Structure formats: structure tokens, C-alpha cells
Amino acid sequence: MVVIEYQHVERRRTESGERSYPGARRSALASGEPVRSLGDGVWEVVATGEVLRRA
């Protein structure tokens, strides 16, 4: 299974150049099923409770 982390980033042009403002994050499986982070490299599939660890 592949966990993908998405993060909203807003980009604005300012007088000193382009700036990036990181925003909200969410994680999901490659299939789109939501997961929640349990810590460093560990996620739980919301619907099933299955725990995934980084290989």
C-alpha cells in the first residue's frame, strides 16, 4: 500500500519575489482512502483500523 501526503500551498507574488505559504495537510492511500498519522512513519487506515508502517 502507498500512503500519499497532500499539502495545500498558496503562492503569492510580493515586492521581494514569489512566496510560498504552506497550509493544511492530509494523508490518503493511493486509492484515495483516508489514513491518519500515528507518528513517525506509522499510519492507520480510518475505515478498517489497519496499521501501516514505512518499509
PDB file of N, CA and C in Angstrom:
ATOM      1  N   MET A   1       0.845  -1.178   0.000  1.00  0.00           N
ATOM      2  CA  MET A   1       0.000   0.000   0.000  1.00  0.00           C
ATOM      3  C   MET A   1       0.887   1.237   0.000  1.00  0.00           C
ATOM      4  N   VAL A   2       0.412   2.269  -0.663  1.00  0.00           N
ATOM      5  CA  VAL A   2       1.168   3.517  -0.773  1.00  0.00           C
ATOM      6  C   VAL A   2       0.403   4.631  -0.072  1.00  0.00           C
ATOM      7  N   VAL A   3       1.055   5.303   0.876  1.00  0.00           N
ATOM      8  CA  VAL A   3       0.464   6.457   1.564  1.00  0.00           C
ATOM      9  C   VAL A   3       1.006   7.720   0.909  1.00  0.00           C
ATOM     10  N   ILE A   4       0.095   8.623   0.553  1.00  0.00           N
ATOM     11  CA  ILE A   4       0.476   9.892  -0.078  1.00  0.00           C
ATOM     12  C   ILE A   4       0.056  11.028   0.845  1.00  0.00           C
ATOM     13  N   GLU A   5       0.976  11.974   1.083  1.00  0.00           N
ATOM     14  CA  GLU A   5       0.645  13.142   1.889  1.00  0.00           C
ATOM     15  C   GLU A   5       0.428  14.333   0.951  1.00  0.00           C
ATOM     16  N   TYR A   6      -0.718  14.967   1.102  1.00  0.00           N
ATOM     17  CA  TYR A   6      -1.061  16.148   0.317  1.00  0.00           C
ATOM     18  C   TYR A   6      -0.932  17.368   1.212  1.00  0.00           C
ATOM     19  N   GLN A   7      -0.452  18.486   0.656  1.00  0.00           N
ATOM     20  CA  GLN A   7      -0.383  19.727   1.417  1.00  0.00           C
ATOM     21  C   GLN A   7      -0.758  20.885   0.515  1.00  0.00           C
ATOM     22  N   HIS A   8      -1.694  21.695   1.003  1.00  0.00           N
ATOM     23  CA  HIS A   8      -2.090  22.907   0.283  1.00  0.00           C
ATOM     24  C   HIS A   8      -0.958  23.926   0.410  1.00  0.00           C
ATOM     25  N   VAL A   9      -0.579  24.536  -0.706  1.00  0.00           N
ATOM     26  CA  VAL A   9       0.446  25.575  -0.692  1.00  0.00           C
ATOM     27  C   VAL A   9      -0.083  26.762  -1.489  1.00  0.00           C
ATOM     28  N   GLU A  10      -0.118  27.914  -0.845  1.00  0.00           N
ATOM     29  CA  GLU A  10      -0.544  29.139  -1.525  1.00  0.00           C
ATOM     30  C   GLU A  10       0.703  29.894  -1.963  1.00  0.00           C
ATOM     31  N   ARG A  11       0.714  30.309  -3.212  1.00  0.00           N
ATOM     32  CA  ARG A  11       1.852  31.081  -3.734  1.00  0.00           C
ATOM     33  C   ARG A  11       1.382  32.498  -4.033  1.00  0.00           C
ATOM     34  N   ARG A  12       2.174  33.471  -3.579  1.00  0.00           N
ATOM     35  CA  ARG A  12       1.844  34.880  -3.803  1.00  0.00           C
ATOM     36  C   ARG A  12       3.066  35.614  -4.320  1.00  0.00           C
ATOM     37  N   ARG A  13       2.814  36.541  -5.192  1.00  0.00           N
ATOM     38  CA  ARG A  13       3.877  37.439  -5.642  1.00  0.00           C
ATOM     39  C   ARG A  13       3.906  38.641  -4.706  1.00  0.00           C
ATOM     40  N   THR A  14       5.102  38.955  -4.218  1.00  0.00           N
ATOM     41  CA  THR A  14       5.280  40.126  -3.367  1.00  0.00           C
ATOM     42  C   THR A  14       6.327  41.026  -4.009  1.00  0.00           C
ATOM     43  N   GLU A  15       6.554  42.159  -3.416  1.00  0.00           N
ATOM     44  CA  GLU A  15       7.560  43.080  -3.945  1.00  0.00           C
ATOM     45  C   GLU A  15       8.949  42.457  -3.924  1.00  0.00           C
ATOM     46  N   SER A  16       9.183  41.534  -3.000  1.00  0.00           N
ATOM     47  CA  SER A  16      10.503  40.903  -2.904  1.00  0.00           C
ATOM     48  C   SER A  16      10.570  39.567  -3.637  1.00  0.00           C
ATOM     49  N   GLY A  17       9.531  39.215  -4.402  1.00  0.00           N
ATOM     50  CA  GLY A  17       9.535  37.974  -5.166  1.00  0.00           C
ATOM     51  C   GLY A  17       8.382  37.062  -4.783  1.00  0.00           C
ATOM     52  N   GLU A  18       8.392  35.877  -5.362  1.00  0.00           N
ATOM     53  CA  GLU A  18       7.320  34.922  -5.090  1.00  0.00           C
ATOM     54  C   GLU A  18       7.527  34.264  -3.730  1.00  0.00           C
ATOM     55  N   ARG A  19       6.421  34.125  -2.971  1.00  0.00           N
ATOM     56  CA  ARG A  19       6.465  33.498  -1.655  1.00  0.00           C
ATOM     57  C   ARG A  19       5.530  32.295  -1.632  1.00  0.00           C
ATOM     58  N   SER A  20       5.889  31.268  -0.868  1.00  0.00           N
ATOM     59  CA  SER A  20       5.043  30.090  -0.686  1.00  0.00           C
ATOM     60  C   SER A  20       4.600  30.020   0.767  1.00  0.00           C
ATOM     61  N   TYR A  21       3.310  29.761   0.964  1.00  0.00           N
ATOM     62  CA  TYR A  21       2.745  29.650   2.298  1.00  0.00           C
ATOM     63  C   TYR A  21       2.139  28.263   2.461  1.00  0.00           C
ATOM     64  N   PRO A  22       2.801  27.355   3.202  1.00  0.00           N
ATOM     65  CA  PRO A  22       2.258  26.012   3.387  1.00  0.00           C
ATOM     66  C   PRO A  22       1.004  26.046   4.249  1.00  0.00           C
ATOM     67  N   GLY A  23       0.053  25.173   3.918  1.00  0.00           N
ATOM     68  CA  GLY A  23      -1.212  25.136   4.639  1.00  0.00           C
ATOM     69  C   GLY A  23      -1.541  23.744   5.139  1.00  0.00           C
ATOM     70  N   ALA A  24      -2.820  23.415   5.104  1.00  0.00           N
ATOM     71  CA  ALA A  24      -3.337  22.166   5.659  1.00  0.00           C
ATOM     72  C   ALA A  24      -2.750  20.945   4.955  1.00  0.00           C
ATOM     73  N   ARG A  25      -2.612  19.858   5.720  1.00  0.00           N
ATOM     74  CA  ARG A  25      -2.116  18.587   5.182  1.00  0.00           C
ATOM     75  C   ARG A  25      -3.166  17.513   5.397  1.00  0.00           C
ATOM     76  N   ARG A  26      -3.134  16.510   4.522  1.00  0.00           N
ATOM     77  CA  ARG A  26      -3.950  15.317   4.711  1.00  0.00           C
ATOM     78  C   ARG A  26      -3.226  14.153   4.081  1.00  0.00           C
ATOM     79  N   SER A  27      -3.499  12.961   4.572  1.00  0.00           N
ATOM     80  CA  SER A  27      -2.879  11.756   4.044  1.00  0.00           C
ATOM     81  C   SER A  27      -3.946  10.799   3.561  1.00  0.00           C
ATOM     82  N   ALA A  28      -3.619  10.039   2.525  1.00  0.00           N
ATOM     83  CA  ALA A  28      -4.546   9.060   1.968  1.00  0.00           C
ATOM     84  C   ALA A  28      -3.736   7.956   1.294  1.00  0.00           C
ATOM     85  N   LEU A  29      -4.386   6.798   1.141  1.00  0.00           N
ATOM     86  CA  LEU A  29      -3.781   5.741   0.342  1.00  0.00           C
ATOM     87  C   LEU A  29      -3.839   6.157  -1.118  1.00  0.00           C
ATOM     88  N   ALA A  30      -3.068   5.516  -1.962  1.00  0.00           N
ATOM     89  CA  ALA A  30      -3.080   5.814  -3.397  1.00  0.00           C
ATOM     90  C   ALA A  30      -4.483   5.621  -3.974  1.00  0.00           C
ATOM     91  N   SER A  31      -5.299   4.780  -3.339  1.00  0.00           N
ATOM     92  CA  SER A  31      -6.677   4.551  -3.787  1.00  0.00           C
ATOM     93  C   SER A  31      -7.618   5.678  -3.373  1.00  0.00           C
ATOM     94  N   GLY A  32      -7.146   6.606  -2.523  1.00  0.00           N
ATOM     95  CA  GLY A  32      -7.956   7.717  -2.056  1.00  0.00           C
ATOM     96  C   GLY A  32      -8.541   7.505  -0.671  1.00  0.00           C
ATOM     97  N   GLU A  33      -8.388   6.303  -0.119  1.00  0.00           N
ATOM     98  CA  GLU A  33      -8.935   6.005   1.210  1.00  0.00           C
ATOM     99  C   GLU A  33      -8.156   6.779   2.273  1.00  0.00           C
ATOM    100  N   PRO A  34      -8.840   7.488   3.190  1.00  0.00           N
ATOM    101  CA  PRO A  34      -8.139   8.313   4.178  1.00  0.00           C
ATOM    102  C   PRO A  34      -7.386   7.493   5.220  1.00  0.00           C
ATOM    103  N   VAL A  35      -6.237   8.034   5.646  1.00  0.00           N
ATOM    104  CA  VAL A  35      -5.435   7.457   6.721  1.00  0.00           C
ATOM    105  C   VAL A  35      -5.085   8.572   7.699  1.00  0.00           C
ATOM    106  N   ARG A  36      -4.794   8.184   8.933  1.00  0.00           N
ATOM    107  CA  ARG A  36      -4.351   9.184   9.913  1.00  0.00           C
ATOM    108  C   ARG A  36      -2.952   8.815  10.381  1.00  0.00           C
ATOM    109  N   SER A  37      -2.164   9.834  10.618  1.00  0.00           N
ATOM    110  CA  SER A  37      -0.792   9.628  11.083  1.00  0.00           C
ATOM    111  C   SER A  37      -0.817   9.274  12.561  1.00  0.00           C
ATOM    112  N   LEU A  38      -0.046   8.249  12.934  1.00  0.00           N
ATOM    113  CA  LEU A  38       0.100   7.855  14.337  1.00  0.00           C
ATOM    114  C   LEU A  38       1.483   8.181  14.870  1.00  0.00           C
ATOM    115  N   GLY A  39       2.302   8.768  14.036  1.00  0.00           N
ATOM    116  CA  GLY A  39       3.659   9.110  14.471  1.00  0.00           C
ATOM    117  C   GLY A  39       4.630   8.931  13.330  1.00  0.00           C
ATOM    118  N   ASP A  40       5.876   8.772  13.662  1.00  0.00           N
ATOM    119  CA  ASP A  40       6.951   8.709  12.687  1.00  0.00           C
ATOM    120  C   ASP A  40       6.854   7.458  11.803  1.00  0.00           C
ATOM    121  N   GLY A  41       6.332   7.629  10.589  1.00  0.00           N
ATOM    122  CA  GLY A  41       6.268   6.531   9.632  1.00  0.00           C
ATOM    123  C   GLY A  41       5.209   5.488   9.914  1.00  0.00           C
ATOM    124  N   VAL A  42       4.188   5.842  10.711  1.00  0.00           N
ATOM    125  CA  VAL A  42       3.101   4.910  11.045  1.00  0.00           C
ATOM    126  C   VAL A  42       1.768   5.586  10.756  1.00  0.00           C
ATOM    127  N   TRP A  43       0.877   4.863  10.037  1.00  0.00           N
ATOM    128  CA  TRP A  43      -0.447   5.388   9.694  1.00  0.00           C
ATOM    129  C   TRP A  43      -1.508   4.348  10.010  1.00  0.00           C
ATOM    130  N   GLU A  44      -2.729   4.815  10.244  1.00  0.00           N
ATOM    131  CA  GLU A  44      -3.867   3.930  10.454  1.00  0.00           C
ATOM    132  C   GLU A  44      -4.895   4.199   9.366  1.00  0.00           C
ATOM    133  N   VAL A  45      -5.376   3.134   8.713  1.00  0.00           N
ATOM    134  CA  VAL A  45      -6.444   3.271   7.727  1.00  0.00           C
ATOM    135  C   VAL A  45      -7.722   3.546   8.511  1.00  0.00           C
ATOM    136  N   VAL A  46      -8.364   4.688   8.258  1.00  0.00           N
ATOM    137  CA  VAL A  46      -9.520   5.132   9.039  1.00  0.00           C
ATOM    138  C   VAL A  46     -10.651   4.114   9.023  1.00  0.00           C
ATOM    139  N   ALA A  47     -10.997   3.584   7.868  1.00  0.00           N
ATOM    140  CA  ALA A  47     -12.162   2.707   7.733  1.00  0.00           C
ATOM    141  C   ALA A  47     -11.971   1.343   8.393  1.00  0.00           C
ATOM    142  N   THR A  48     -10.736   0.838   8.425  1.00  0.00           N
ATOM    143  CA  THR A  48     -10.529  -0.538   8.880  1.00  0.00           C
ATOM    144  C   THR A  48      -9.734  -0.643  10.182  1.00  0.00           C
ATOM    145  N   GLY A  49      -8.997   0.401  10.545  1.00  0.00           N
ATOM    146  CA  GLY A  49      -8.145   0.334  11.725  1.00  0.00           C
ATOM    147  C   GLY A  49      -6.812  -0.342  11.459  1.00  0.00           C
ATOM    148  N   GLU A  50      -6.564  -0.759  10.214  1.00  0.00           N
ATOM    149  CA  GLU A  50      -5.304  -1.409   9.853  1.00  0.00           C
ATOM    150  C   GLU A  50      -4.144  -0.422  10.037  1.00  0.00           C
ATOM    151  N   VAL A  51      -3.047  -0.880  10.648  1.00  0.00           N
ATOM    152  CA  VAL A  51      -1.884  -0.037  10.891  1.00  0.00           C
ATOM    153  C   VAL A  51      -0.821  -0.341   9.840  1.00  0.00           C
ATOM    154  N   LEU A  52      -0.288   0.735   9.251  1.00  0.00           N
ATOM    155  CA  LEU A  52       0.739   0.614   8.206  1.00  0.00           C
ATOM    156  C   LEU A  52       2.024   1.247   8.728  1.00  0.00           C
ATOM    157  N   ARG A  53       3.155   0.624   8.404  1.00  0.00           N
ATOM    158  CA  ARG A  53       4.471   1.144   8.786  1.00  0.00           C
ATOM    159  C   ARG A  53       5.327   1.345   7.556  1.00  0.00           C
ATOM    160  N   ARG A  54       6.149   2.380   7.590  1.00  0.00           N
ATOM    161  CA  ARG A  54       7.083   2.645   6.496  1.00  0.00           C
ATOM    162  C   ARG A  54       8.069   1.490   6.401  1.00  0.00           C
ATOM    163  N   ALA A  55       8.281   1.020   5.176  1.00  0.00           N
ATOM    164  CA  ALA A  55       9.201  -0.112   4.967  1.00  0.00           C
ATOM    165  C   ALA A  55      10.625   0.362   4.856  1.00  0.00           C
TER     166      ALA A  55
END
